[in-house]
Every structure is written in structure tokens, then in C-alpha cells.
Amino acid sequence: MNPIRSVCVYCGSSAGRDPHYVESGRRLGRDMAEAGMRLVYGGGTRGIMGAVSDGVVAGGGQVTGIIPRFLIDMEATERELKRLDELVVTEDMHERKHLMFQRSDAFVALPGGIGTLEELVEIMTWSQLGRHAKPIVIANVGGFWDPLARLFDHMRDEGFIHSAHQVQPIVIDDVADIVPRLAALQLPEADEGRAEIIERL
């Protein structure tokens, strides 16, 4: 069994309307740095994305940003990106998501928009299909993800989710509880077969 050393954080490149979203991102980043967990994220330096990376950097932690070339000017500047320990520039979103998966031991979804939702649902889908067993945390800051939970319940009630036991995200309301929960988890030994299948998805 292996400890969780790197965490992929999905979140908005905007700040949102509630200041608590950005505060939660910064707190998560600080907690990760203190626990020695590397941040793997989309590379942006604005919004909640920027707050998470700011928190990690301020805490002396390690940051890997993975960003498609076409998004650099929209979500960050080259000068801002230089503060990251590692910057990986990809040719497209597909390559970005694969690298984020490969580099991460666990996943956390903070509030965000369509892109954040897409990333969360995709990593949950891979789990439901039995392609990975990495922990997935939904940071339900201020009840942000409650509407999604209701949608999942509706899908299940209507008979469209048949293997819910394959994906059981950890829903945490208080961001301060995320890192302690992850630190208490142990990852199973790497499954080469699963990794190969994910590579082909």
C-alpha cells in the first residue's frame, strides 16, 4: 500500500461570486503543502485555480501545472507560470487530462464551471468502469455540489446508474477536512493493466 503523494485539483479559473470559494482553494493549497502533497492542476493562475496554487507555493509545497498551449494567454501569463515547480504544456485538452490522471494519486473537485464538471464526471466515469481506484473527493463548499448530487440520485432512480458501487466519491463539506482524510487513505499497488487501458481511452 502506498501513501497519497500527489493530488489533482479540479476547480474554476474564475473566482465565483462567493469569496469563500477562493478562500477554500487557498486553504486546501496550504494544507496540501504542509502535508507534503504535490499539487497537480490545470496550470492557471487566476480564480480558484490561482488560489490553490498560491496556497501551495506560500506553504513551500510543490506544484505541477499542466496546461494546453492555447489556454496559456487566457488562464495565465508566461511570467506567472514561471513560479511553478513544473510546467507541462500540452497540445490539447485530451493530452492534458491524461497527464493529470497519470501524475495524480487522488482527485479533488472544488467549485467551478462546465470544465470542472466535465473533469469530475470523466474521472468518476473511469472509476465506475473499473479503470482506476484512486480516491475522488467532492469539496461541497457551501453546498455548491448539492444540485449535482440530486441529479445523480435522479439518474439512479430512473435506472441509468447500474454500478454505483464502483464509484463512491468522498463528499466533504469543510475543506479543512480534505487533506486529513486523504492522508489517512492508502493506495493499492499500481495496476499496470488499468493504467494501460486508461492510456488508450
C-alpha atoms as a PDB file:
ATOM      1  CA  MET A   1       0.000   0.000   0.000  1.00  0.00           C
ATOM      2  CA  ASN A   2       1.226   3.499  -0.863  1.00  0.00           C
ATOM      3  CA  PRO A   3       0.521   6.927   0.695  1.00  0.00           C
ATOM      4  CA  ILE A   4      -1.035   9.698  -1.366  1.00  0.00           C
ATOM      5  CA  ARG A   5       1.773  11.977  -2.538  1.00  0.00           C
ATOM      6  CA  SER A   6       0.119  14.000  -5.310  1.00  0.00           C
ATOM      7  CA  VAL A   7      -3.397  15.378  -5.639  1.00  0.00           C
ATOM      8  CA  CYS A   8      -5.107  16.644  -8.768  1.00  0.00           C
ATOM      9  CA  VAL A   9      -7.415  19.570  -8.030  1.00  0.00           C
ATOM     10  CA  TYR A  10     -10.197  20.436 -10.450  1.00  0.00           C
ATOM     11  CA  CYS A  11     -11.632  23.938  -9.951  1.00  0.00           C
ATOM     12  CA  GLY A  12     -12.714  27.135 -11.627  1.00  0.00           C
ATOM     13  CA  SER A  13     -10.363  29.536 -13.371  1.00  0.00           C
ATOM     14  CA  SER A  14     -12.781  32.220 -12.166  1.00  0.00           C
ATOM     15  CA  ALA A  15     -13.321  33.243  -8.555  1.00  0.00           C
ATOM     16  CA  GLY A  16     -17.096  32.821  -8.463  1.00  0.00           C
ATOM     17  CA  ARG A  17     -19.432  35.079  -6.524  1.00  0.00           C
ATOM     18  CA  ASP A  18     -18.841  33.733  -3.017  1.00  0.00           C
ATOM     19  CA  PRO A  19     -15.431  34.768  -1.560  1.00  0.00           C
ATOM     20  CA  HIS A  20     -15.473  31.510   0.399  1.00  0.00           C
ATOM     21  CA  TYR A  21     -14.669  29.608  -2.814  1.00  0.00           C
ATOM     22  CA  VAL A  22     -11.301  31.325  -3.241  1.00  0.00           C
ATOM     23  CA  GLU A  23     -10.594  31.143   0.495  1.00  0.00           C
ATOM     24  CA  SER A  24     -11.279  27.408   0.425  1.00  0.00           C
ATOM     25  CA  GLY A  25      -8.936  26.941  -2.524  1.00  0.00           C
ATOM     26  CA  ARG A  26      -6.139  28.781  -0.736  1.00  0.00           C
ATOM     27  CA  ARG A  27      -6.731  26.778   2.463  1.00  0.00           C
ATOM     28  CA  LEU A  28      -6.637  23.483   0.553  1.00  0.00           C
ATOM     29  CA  GLY A  29      -3.344  24.523  -1.047  1.00  0.00           C
ATOM     30  CA  ARG A  30      -1.760  25.398   2.312  1.00  0.00           C
ATOM     31  CA  ASP A  31      -2.940  22.134   3.848  1.00  0.00           C
ATOM     32  CA  MET A  32      -1.515  20.144   0.942  1.00  0.00           C
ATOM     33  CA  ALA A  33       1.853  21.882   1.267  1.00  0.00           C
ATOM     34  CA  GLU A  34       2.000  21.181   4.991  1.00  0.00           C
ATOM     35  CA  ALA A  35       1.205  17.507   4.374  1.00  0.00           C
ATOM     36  CA  GLY A  36       3.855  17.208   1.659  1.00  0.00           C
ATOM     37  CA  MET A  37       1.297  16.543  -1.090  1.00  0.00           C
ATOM     38  CA  ARG A  38       2.180  17.831  -4.552  1.00  0.00           C
ATOM     39  CA  LEU A  39      -0.497  19.816  -6.384  1.00  0.00           C
ATOM     40  CA  VAL A  40      -1.297  18.702  -9.930  1.00  0.00           C
ATOM     41  CA  TYR A  41      -3.687  21.110 -11.602  1.00  0.00           C
ATOM     42  CA  GLY A  42      -4.619  22.916 -14.794  1.00  0.00           C
ATOM     43  CA  GLY A  43      -1.850  25.500 -14.591  1.00  0.00           C
ATOM     44  CA  GLY A  44      -3.993  28.632 -14.384  1.00  0.00           C
ATOM     45  CA  THR A  45      -3.019  31.478 -12.070  1.00  0.00           C
ATOM     46  CA  ARG A  46      -6.441  33.108 -11.791  1.00  0.00           C
ATOM     47  CA  GLY A  47      -9.623  32.411  -9.886  1.00  0.00           C
ATOM     48  CA  ILE A  48      -9.839  29.391  -7.610  1.00  0.00           C
ATOM     49  CA  MET A  49      -7.073  27.713  -9.632  1.00  0.00           C
ATOM     50  CA  GLY A  50      -4.726  30.529  -8.749  1.00  0.00           C
ATOM     51  CA  ALA A  51      -5.798  30.462  -5.104  1.00  0.00           C
ATOM     52  CA  VAL A  52      -4.981  26.766  -4.738  1.00  0.00           C
ATOM     53  CA  SER A  53      -1.545  27.143  -6.315  1.00  0.00           C
ATOM     54  CA  ASP A  54      -0.908  30.313  -4.262  1.00  0.00           C
ATOM     55  CA  GLY A  55      -1.654  28.346  -1.111  1.00  0.00           C
ATOM     56  CA  VAL A  56       0.730  25.552  -2.042  1.00  0.00           C
ATOM     57  CA  VAL A  57       3.529  27.929  -3.056  1.00  0.00           C
ATOM     58  CA  ALA A  58       3.088  30.035   0.102  1.00  0.00           C
ATOM     59  CA  GLY A  59       3.340  26.859   2.171  1.00  0.00           C
ATOM     60  CA  GLY A  60       6.557  25.794   0.463  1.00  0.00           C
ATOM     61  CA  GLY A  61       4.908  22.936  -1.418  1.00  0.00           C
ATOM     62  CA  GLN A  62       5.412  21.564  -4.909  1.00  0.00           C
ATOM     63  CA  VAL A  63       3.211  22.455  -7.899  1.00  0.00           C
ATOM     64  CA  THR A  64       2.834  20.821 -11.306  1.00  0.00           C
ATOM     65  CA  GLY A  65       0.791  22.831 -13.784  1.00  0.00           C
ATOM     66  CA  ILE A  66      -0.474  21.117 -16.932  1.00  0.00           C
ATOM     67  CA  ILE A  67      -1.947  23.481 -19.481  1.00  0.00           C
ATOM     68  CA  PRO A  68      -2.766  23.312 -23.209  1.00  0.00           C
ATOM     69  CA  ARG A  69      -0.833  25.788 -25.314  1.00  0.00           C
ATOM     70  CA  PHE A  70      -3.984  27.581 -26.495  1.00  0.00           C
ATOM     71  CA  LEU A  71      -5.084  28.336 -22.901  1.00  0.00           C
ATOM     72  CA  ILE A  72      -1.873  29.976 -21.696  1.00  0.00           C
ATOM     73  CA  ASP A  73      -2.885  33.542 -22.566  1.00  0.00           C
ATOM     74  CA  MET A  74      -6.436  33.023 -21.270  1.00  0.00           C
ATOM     75  CA  GLU A  75      -5.640  31.498 -17.874  1.00  0.00           C
ATOM     76  CA  ALA A  76      -2.133  32.751 -17.110  1.00  0.00           C
ATOM     77  CA  THR A  77       0.890  34.665 -18.384  1.00  0.00           C
ATOM     78  CA  GLU A  78       4.274  33.132 -19.027  1.00  0.00           C
ATOM     79  CA  ARG A  79       5.743  35.276 -16.222  1.00  0.00           C
ATOM     80  CA  GLU A  80       3.168  33.967 -13.740  1.00  0.00           C
ATOM     81  CA  LEU A  81       3.738  30.379 -14.823  1.00  0.00           C
ATOM     82  CA  LYS A  82       7.452  30.597 -14.027  1.00  0.00           C
ATOM     83  CA  ARG A  83       6.691  30.378 -10.303  1.00  0.00           C
ATOM     84  CA  LEU A  84       5.509  26.765 -10.706  1.00  0.00           C
ATOM     85  CA  ASP A  85       7.972  23.973  -9.922  1.00  0.00           C
ATOM     86  CA  GLU A  86       6.975  22.162 -13.069  1.00  0.00           C
ATOM     87  CA  LEU A  87       5.035  23.344 -16.107  1.00  0.00           C
ATOM     88  CA  VAL A  88       3.855  20.911 -18.748  1.00  0.00           C
ATOM     89  CA  VAL A  89       2.440  22.439 -21.944  1.00  0.00           C
ATOM     90  CA  THR A  90       0.250  20.067 -23.954  1.00  0.00           C
ATOM     91  CA  GLU A  91      -1.088  20.274 -27.472  1.00  0.00           C
ATOM     92  CA  ASP A  92      -4.718  19.682 -26.489  1.00  0.00           C
ATOM     93  CA  MET A  93      -7.163  19.052 -23.644  1.00  0.00           C
ATOM     94  CA  HIS A  94      -7.131  15.285 -24.158  1.00  0.00           C
ATOM     95  CA  GLU A  95      -3.386  15.060 -23.513  1.00  0.00           C
ATOM     96  CA  ARG A  96      -3.730  17.387 -20.527  1.00  0.00           C
ATOM     97  CA  LYS A  97      -6.346  15.187 -18.839  1.00  0.00           C
ATOM     98  CA  HIS A  98      -4.328  12.011 -19.376  1.00  0.00           C
ATOM     99  CA  LEU A  99      -1.232  13.573 -17.836  1.00  0.00           C
ATOM    100  CA  MET A 100      -3.229  14.909 -14.894  1.00  0.00           C
ATOM    101  CA  PHE A 101      -4.547  11.405 -14.304  1.00  0.00           C
ATOM    102  CA  GLN A 102      -1.120   9.784 -14.591  1.00  0.00           C
ATOM    103  CA  ARG A 103       0.577  12.281 -12.273  1.00  0.00           C
ATOM    104  CA  SER A 104      -2.046  12.077  -9.502  1.00  0.00           C
ATOM    105  CA  ASP A 105      -2.822   9.684  -6.662  1.00  0.00           C
ATOM    106  CA  ALA A 106      -6.174  11.305  -5.815  1.00  0.00           C
ATOM    107  CA  PHE A 107      -8.609  13.906  -7.147  1.00  0.00           C
ATOM    108  CA  VAL A 108     -10.417  16.824  -5.500  1.00  0.00           C
ATOM    109  CA  ALA A 109     -13.186  18.880  -7.136  1.00  0.00           C
ATOM    110  CA  LEU A 110     -13.697  22.384  -5.770  1.00  0.00           C
ATOM    111  CA  PRO A 111     -16.402  24.691  -7.164  1.00  0.00           C
ATOM    112  CA  GLY A 112     -16.072  25.517 -10.846  1.00  0.00           C
ATOM    113  CA  GLY A 113     -17.859  25.682 -14.157  1.00  0.00           C
ATOM    114  CA  ILE A 114     -18.503  23.373 -17.092  1.00  0.00           C
ATOM    115  CA  GLY A 115     -14.836  22.396 -17.426  1.00  0.00           C
ATOM    116  CA  THR A 116     -14.603  21.410 -13.761  1.00  0.00           C
ATOM    117  CA  LEU A 117     -17.843  19.441 -14.028  1.00  0.00           C
ATOM    118  CA  GLU A 118     -16.591  17.646 -17.135  1.00  0.00           C
ATOM    119  CA  GLU A 119     -13.322  16.667 -15.453  1.00  0.00           C
ATOM    120  CA  LEU A 120     -15.082  15.421 -12.323  1.00  0.00           C
ATOM    121  CA  VAL A 121     -17.648  13.386 -14.244  1.00  0.00           C
ATOM    122  CA  GLU A 122     -14.991  11.879 -16.504  1.00  0.00           C
ATOM    123  CA  ILE A 123     -12.779  10.714 -13.631  1.00  0.00           C
ATOM    124  CA  MET A 124     -15.884   9.299 -11.913  1.00  0.00           C
ATOM    125  CA  THR A 125     -16.830   7.515 -15.141  1.00  0.00           C
ATOM    126  CA  TRP A 126     -13.409   5.873 -15.360  1.00  0.00           C
ATOM    127  CA  SER A 127     -13.851   4.735 -11.768  1.00  0.00           C
ATOM    128  CA  GLN A 128     -17.350   3.390 -12.469  1.00  0.00           C
ATOM    129  CA  LEU A 129     -15.935   1.399 -15.378  1.00  0.00           C
ATOM    130  CA  GLY A 130     -13.331  -0.105 -13.051  1.00  0.00           C
ATOM    131  CA  ARG A 131     -10.391   1.606 -14.741  1.00  0.00           C
ATOM    132  CA  HIS A 132      -8.925   3.099 -11.572  1.00  0.00           C
ATOM    133  CA  ALA A 133      -9.413   3.022  -7.810  1.00  0.00           C
ATOM    134  CA  LYS A 134      -7.928   6.405  -6.916  1.00  0.00           C
ATOM    135  CA  PRO A 135      -9.866   8.414  -4.303  1.00  0.00           C
ATOM    136  CA  ILE A 136     -12.188  11.155  -5.564  1.00  0.00           C
ATOM    137  CA  VAL A 137     -13.192  13.959  -3.198  1.00  0.00           C
ATOM    138  CA  ILE A 138     -16.042  16.355  -3.903  1.00  0.00           C
ATOM    139  CA  ALA A 139     -15.436  19.531  -1.898  1.00  0.00           C
ATOM    140  CA  ASN A 140     -19.014  20.613  -1.315  1.00  0.00           C
ATOM    141  CA  VAL A 141     -18.127  24.177  -0.298  1.00  0.00           C
ATOM    142  CA  GLY A 142     -21.281  25.981   0.783  1.00  0.00           C
ATOM    143  CA  GLY A 143     -23.395  23.202  -0.735  1.00  0.00           C
ATOM    144  CA  PHE A 144     -22.076  24.024  -4.218  1.00  0.00           C
ATOM    145  CA  TRP A 145     -22.357  20.441  -5.494  1.00  0.00           C
ATOM    146  CA  ASP A 146     -25.796  19.687  -3.981  1.00  0.00           C
ATOM    147  CA  PRO A 147     -27.603  20.087  -7.342  1.00  0.00           C
ATOM    148  CA  LEU A 148     -25.224  17.534  -8.900  1.00  0.00           C
ATOM    149  CA  ALA A 149     -25.929  15.074  -6.085  1.00  0.00           C
ATOM    150  CA  ARG A 150     -29.659  15.460  -6.764  1.00  0.00           C
ATOM    151  CA  LEU A 151     -29.062  14.802 -10.461  1.00  0.00           C
ATOM    152  CA  PHE A 152     -27.116  11.616  -9.662  1.00  0.00           C
ATOM    153  CA  ASP A 153     -29.977  10.484  -7.389  1.00  0.00           C
ATOM    154  CA  HIS A 154     -32.433  11.153 -10.219  1.00  0.00           C
ATOM    155  CA  MET A 155     -30.312   9.156 -12.698  1.00  0.00           C
ATOM    156  CA  ARG A 156     -30.125   6.273 -10.233  1.00  0.00           C
ATOM    157  CA  ASP A 157     -33.869   6.376  -9.558  1.00  0.00           C
ATOM    158  CA  GLU A 158     -34.569   6.327 -13.295  1.00  0.00           C
ATOM    159  CA  GLY A 159     -32.403   3.247 -13.771  1.00  0.00           C
ATOM    160  CA  PHE A 160     -29.403   4.750 -15.544  1.00  0.00           C
ATOM    161  CA  ILE A 161     -26.702   4.168 -12.922  1.00  0.00           C
ATOM    162  CA  HIS A 162     -26.220   0.432 -12.523  1.00  0.00           C
ATOM    163  CA  SER A 163     -22.756   0.205 -10.993  1.00  0.00           C
ATOM    164  CA  ALA A 164     -22.716   2.961  -8.388  1.00  0.00           C
ATOM    165  CA  HIS A 165     -20.706   0.685  -6.112  1.00  0.00           C
ATOM    166  CA  GLN A 166     -17.772   1.149  -8.498  1.00  0.00           C
ATOM    167  CA  VAL A 167     -17.596   4.881  -7.842  1.00  0.00           C
ATOM    168  CA  GLN A 168     -18.071   6.264  -4.355  1.00  0.00           C
ATOM    169  CA  PRO A 169     -16.735   9.812  -4.187  1.00  0.00           C
ATOM    170  CA  ILE A 170     -15.981  11.202  -0.752  1.00  0.00           C
ATOM    171  CA  VAL A 171     -18.172  14.259  -0.188  1.00  0.00           C
ATOM    172  CA  ILE A 172     -16.631  16.718   2.280  1.00  0.00           C
ATOM    173  CA  ASP A 173     -18.298  19.993   3.255  1.00  0.00           C
ATOM    174  CA  ASP A 174     -15.411  21.578   5.178  1.00  0.00           C
ATOM    175  CA  VAL A 175     -12.256  21.994   3.092  1.00  0.00           C
ATOM    176  CA  ALA A 176     -10.151  21.717   6.267  1.00  0.00           C
ATOM    177  CA  ASP A 177     -11.135  18.042   6.471  1.00  0.00           C
ATOM    178  CA  ILE A 178      -9.908  17.095   2.980  1.00  0.00           C
ATOM    179  CA  VAL A 179      -6.173  16.650   3.496  1.00  0.00           C
ATOM    180  CA  PRO A 180      -6.512  14.751   6.802  1.00  0.00           C
ATOM    181  CA  ARG A 181      -8.976  12.402   5.100  1.00  0.00           C
ATOM    182  CA  LEU A 182      -6.631  11.843   2.147  1.00  0.00           C
ATOM    183  CA  ALA A 183      -3.636  11.395   4.446  1.00  0.00           C
ATOM    184  CA  ALA A 184      -5.494   8.590   6.216  1.00  0.00           C
ATOM    185  CA  LEU A 185      -6.027   6.700   2.952  1.00  0.00           C
ATOM    186  CA  GLN A 186      -3.657   4.196   1.367  1.00  0.00           C
ATOM    187  CA  LEU A 187      -3.498   3.492  -2.343  1.00  0.00           C
ATOM    188  CA  PRO A 188      -3.476  -0.089  -3.639  1.00  0.00           C
ATOM    189  CA  GLU A 189      -0.395  -1.203  -5.543  1.00  0.00           C
ATOM    190  CA  ALA A 190      -0.340   0.056  -9.132  1.00  0.00           C
ATOM    191  CA  ASP A 191      -2.373  -1.976 -11.585  1.00  0.00           C
ATOM    192  CA  GLU A 192      -0.460  -1.959 -14.874  1.00  0.00           C
ATOM    193  CA  GLY A 193      -3.423  -3.311 -16.793  1.00  0.00           C
ATOM    194  CA  ARG A 194      -5.674  -0.498 -15.648  1.00  0.00           C
ATOM    195  CA  ALA A 195      -3.008   2.116 -16.434  1.00  0.00           C
ATOM    196  CA  GLU A 196      -2.646   0.734 -19.948  1.00  0.00           C
ATOM    197  CA  ILE A 197      -6.401   0.865 -20.556  1.00  0.00           C
ATOM    198  CA  ILE A 198      -6.616   4.447 -19.327  1.00  0.00           C
ATOM    199  CA  GLU A 199      -3.792   5.329 -21.713  1.00  0.00           C
ATOM    200  CA  ARG A 200      -5.930   4.115 -24.606  1.00  0.00           C
ATOM    201  CA  LEU A 201      -9.150   5.910 -23.582  1.00  0.00           C
END
